[in-house]
Amino acid sequence: MTSVKARGARHDELMPLLEAMFREFQDAAKKKPDGALNKKKVQIVNRLLESVFEILDGEVSRSYLDLLDEDDLPQNSDVVLMLGQAVAAMKAFHKKNYGFSSARGAYGWGLRAD
């Protein structure tokens, strides 16, 4: 397993993408909740989720997250549910692993409060 600092840096790179994708699917679900995705969109979502899962490796929340099924194309509302769970898990990872160290006088990944 990679270090918390490395996973934290990856978190910081991917979180804006995950949140943007989540917002896009929320908007789509408001317009057409039962609209089915095509295979290309499922692949795009899964590619991002696979990277998120690497960050969350070893976290309890990881066992509750799944990739989208390419054979049974999901609906927009399904994707909102899946991405919402991934966003929540990433926020929990941040809360657990990002903090302030008074000894170092800095915020950072893997720093514990003194």
Protein backbone atom coordinates (compact mmCIF):
# COMPACT_ATOMS: atom_id res chain seq x y z
CA MET A 1 0.00 0.00 0.00
CA THR A 2 1.31 3.44 -0.87
CA SER A 3 1.91 6.07 1.78
CA VAL A 4 -0.80 8.38 3.07
CA LYS A 5 1.11 11.32 1.60
CA ALA A 6 1.15 9.75 -1.87
CA ARG A 7 -2.51 8.78 -1.64
CA GLY A 8 -3.30 12.26 -0.34
CA ALA A 9 -1.58 13.91 -3.29
CA ARG A 10 -3.59 11.68 -5.63
CA HIS A 11 -6.75 12.58 -3.70
CA ASP A 12 -6.06 16.26 -4.30
CA GLU A 13 -5.68 15.61 -8.04
CA LEU A 14 -8.80 13.47 -8.43
CA MET A 15 -11.29 15.08 -6.06
CA PRO A 16 -12.11 18.02 -8.38
CA LEU A 17 -12.71 15.58 -11.25
CA LEU A 18 -14.90 13.35 -9.09
CA GLU A 19 -16.96 16.28 -7.81
CA ALA A 20 -17.39 17.69 -11.33
CA MET A 21 -18.52 14.32 -12.65
CA PHE A 22 -20.91 13.95 -9.72
CA ARG A 23 -22.46 17.39 -10.44
CA GLU A 24 -22.86 16.57 -14.15
CA PHE A 25 -24.70 13.35 -13.40
CA GLN A 26 -26.84 15.07 -10.76
CA ASP A 27 -27.93 17.56 -13.42
CA ALA A 28 -28.60 14.76 -15.92
CA ALA A 29 -30.58 12.81 -13.33
CA LYS A 30 -32.78 15.84 -12.60
CA LYS A 31 -33.69 16.05 -16.27
CA LYS A 32 -33.91 12.34 -17.00
CA PRO A 33 -33.34 10.08 -13.96
CA ASP A 34 -34.07 6.91 -15.89
CA GLY A 35 -31.86 7.84 -18.85
CA ALA A 36 -29.42 5.02 -19.59
CA LEU A 37 -25.72 5.61 -20.12
CA ASN A 38 -23.87 4.38 -23.14
CA LYS A 39 -20.84 2.08 -22.80
CA LYS A 40 -18.36 4.91 -23.39
CA LYS A 41 -19.73 6.93 -20.46
CA VAL A 42 -19.67 3.87 -18.23
CA GLN A 43 -16.00 3.34 -19.16
CA ILE A 44 -15.18 6.99 -18.36
CA VAL A 45 -16.89 6.81 -14.98
CA ASN A 46 -15.24 3.48 -14.16
CA ARG A 47 -11.78 4.77 -15.08
CA LEU A 48 -12.16 7.56 -12.53
CA LEU A 49 -13.66 5.22 -9.93
CA GLU A 50 -10.75 2.77 -10.32
CA SER A 51 -8.32 5.56 -9.43
CA VAL A 52 -10.49 6.56 -6.47
CA PHE A 53 -10.51 2.94 -5.29
CA GLU A 54 -6.70 2.89 -5.30
CA ILE A 55 -6.69 5.89 -2.94
CA LEU A 56 -9.26 4.23 -0.70
CA ASP A 57 -7.46 0.87 -0.60
CA GLY A 58 -7.51 -0.36 2.99
CA GLU A 59 -10.27 2.04 4.05
CA VAL A 60 -13.51 0.55 5.44
CA SER A 61 -15.60 2.54 2.97
CA ARG A 62 -13.90 0.85 0.01
CA SER A 63 -15.82 -2.37 0.56
CA TYR A 64 -19.08 -0.51 -0.14
CA LEU A 65 -18.04 0.94 -3.49
CA ASP A 66 -18.42 -0.77 -6.85
CA LEU A 67 -17.74 -0.09 -10.50
CA LEU A 68 -20.63 0.39 -12.91
CA ASP A 69 -21.72 -2.68 -14.85
CA GLU A 70 -20.98 -2.24 -18.57
CA ASP A 71 -23.27 -5.13 -19.54
CA ASP A 72 -26.28 -3.83 -17.64
CA LEU A 73 -26.08 -0.13 -18.54
CA PRO A 74 -26.95 1.96 -15.48
CA GLN A 75 -29.35 4.87 -15.36
CA ASN A 76 -28.35 8.43 -14.44
CA SER A 77 -29.87 8.01 -10.97
CA ASP A 78 -27.73 4.88 -10.38
CA VAL A 79 -24.59 6.80 -11.29
CA VAL A 80 -25.53 9.65 -8.93
CA LEU A 81 -25.82 7.14 -6.10
CA MET A 82 -22.46 5.51 -6.89
CA LEU A 83 -20.60 8.79 -7.35
CA GLY A 84 -22.19 10.26 -4.23
CA GLN A 85 -20.85 7.35 -2.20
CA ALA A 86 -17.39 7.81 -3.74
CA VAL A 87 -17.41 11.54 -2.94
CA ALA A 88 -18.42 10.81 0.67
CA ALA A 89 -15.68 8.18 1.01
CA MET A 90 -13.05 10.57 -0.37
CA LYS A 91 -14.16 13.31 2.03
CA ALA A 92 -13.92 10.85 4.93
CA PHE A 93 -10.41 9.88 3.77
CA HIS A 94 -9.44 13.57 3.77
CA LYS A 95 -10.91 14.16 7.23
CA LYS A 96 -9.11 11.13 8.64
CA ASN A 97 -5.70 11.71 7.05
CA TYR A 98 -5.23 15.46 6.57
CA GLY A 99 -4.44 17.55 9.59
CA PHE A 100 -2.34 20.09 11.41
CA SER A 101 0.87 19.33 13.23
CA SER A 102 1.73 21.96 15.81
CA ALA A 103 5.24 20.49 16.02
CA ARG A 104 5.75 21.25 12.32
CA GLY A 105 3.46 24.26 12.27
CA ALA A 106 1.83 23.04 9.08
CA TYR A 107 -1.14 21.26 7.59
CA GLY A 108 -0.51 18.18 5.51
CA TRP A 109 -1.30 14.61 4.64
CA GLY A 110 -0.37 12.10 7.30
CA LEU A 111 0.24 14.76 9.94
CA ARG A 112 -1.39 14.13 13.25
CA ALA A 113 -2.59 16.72 15.70
CA ASP A 114 -0.15 17.02 18.55
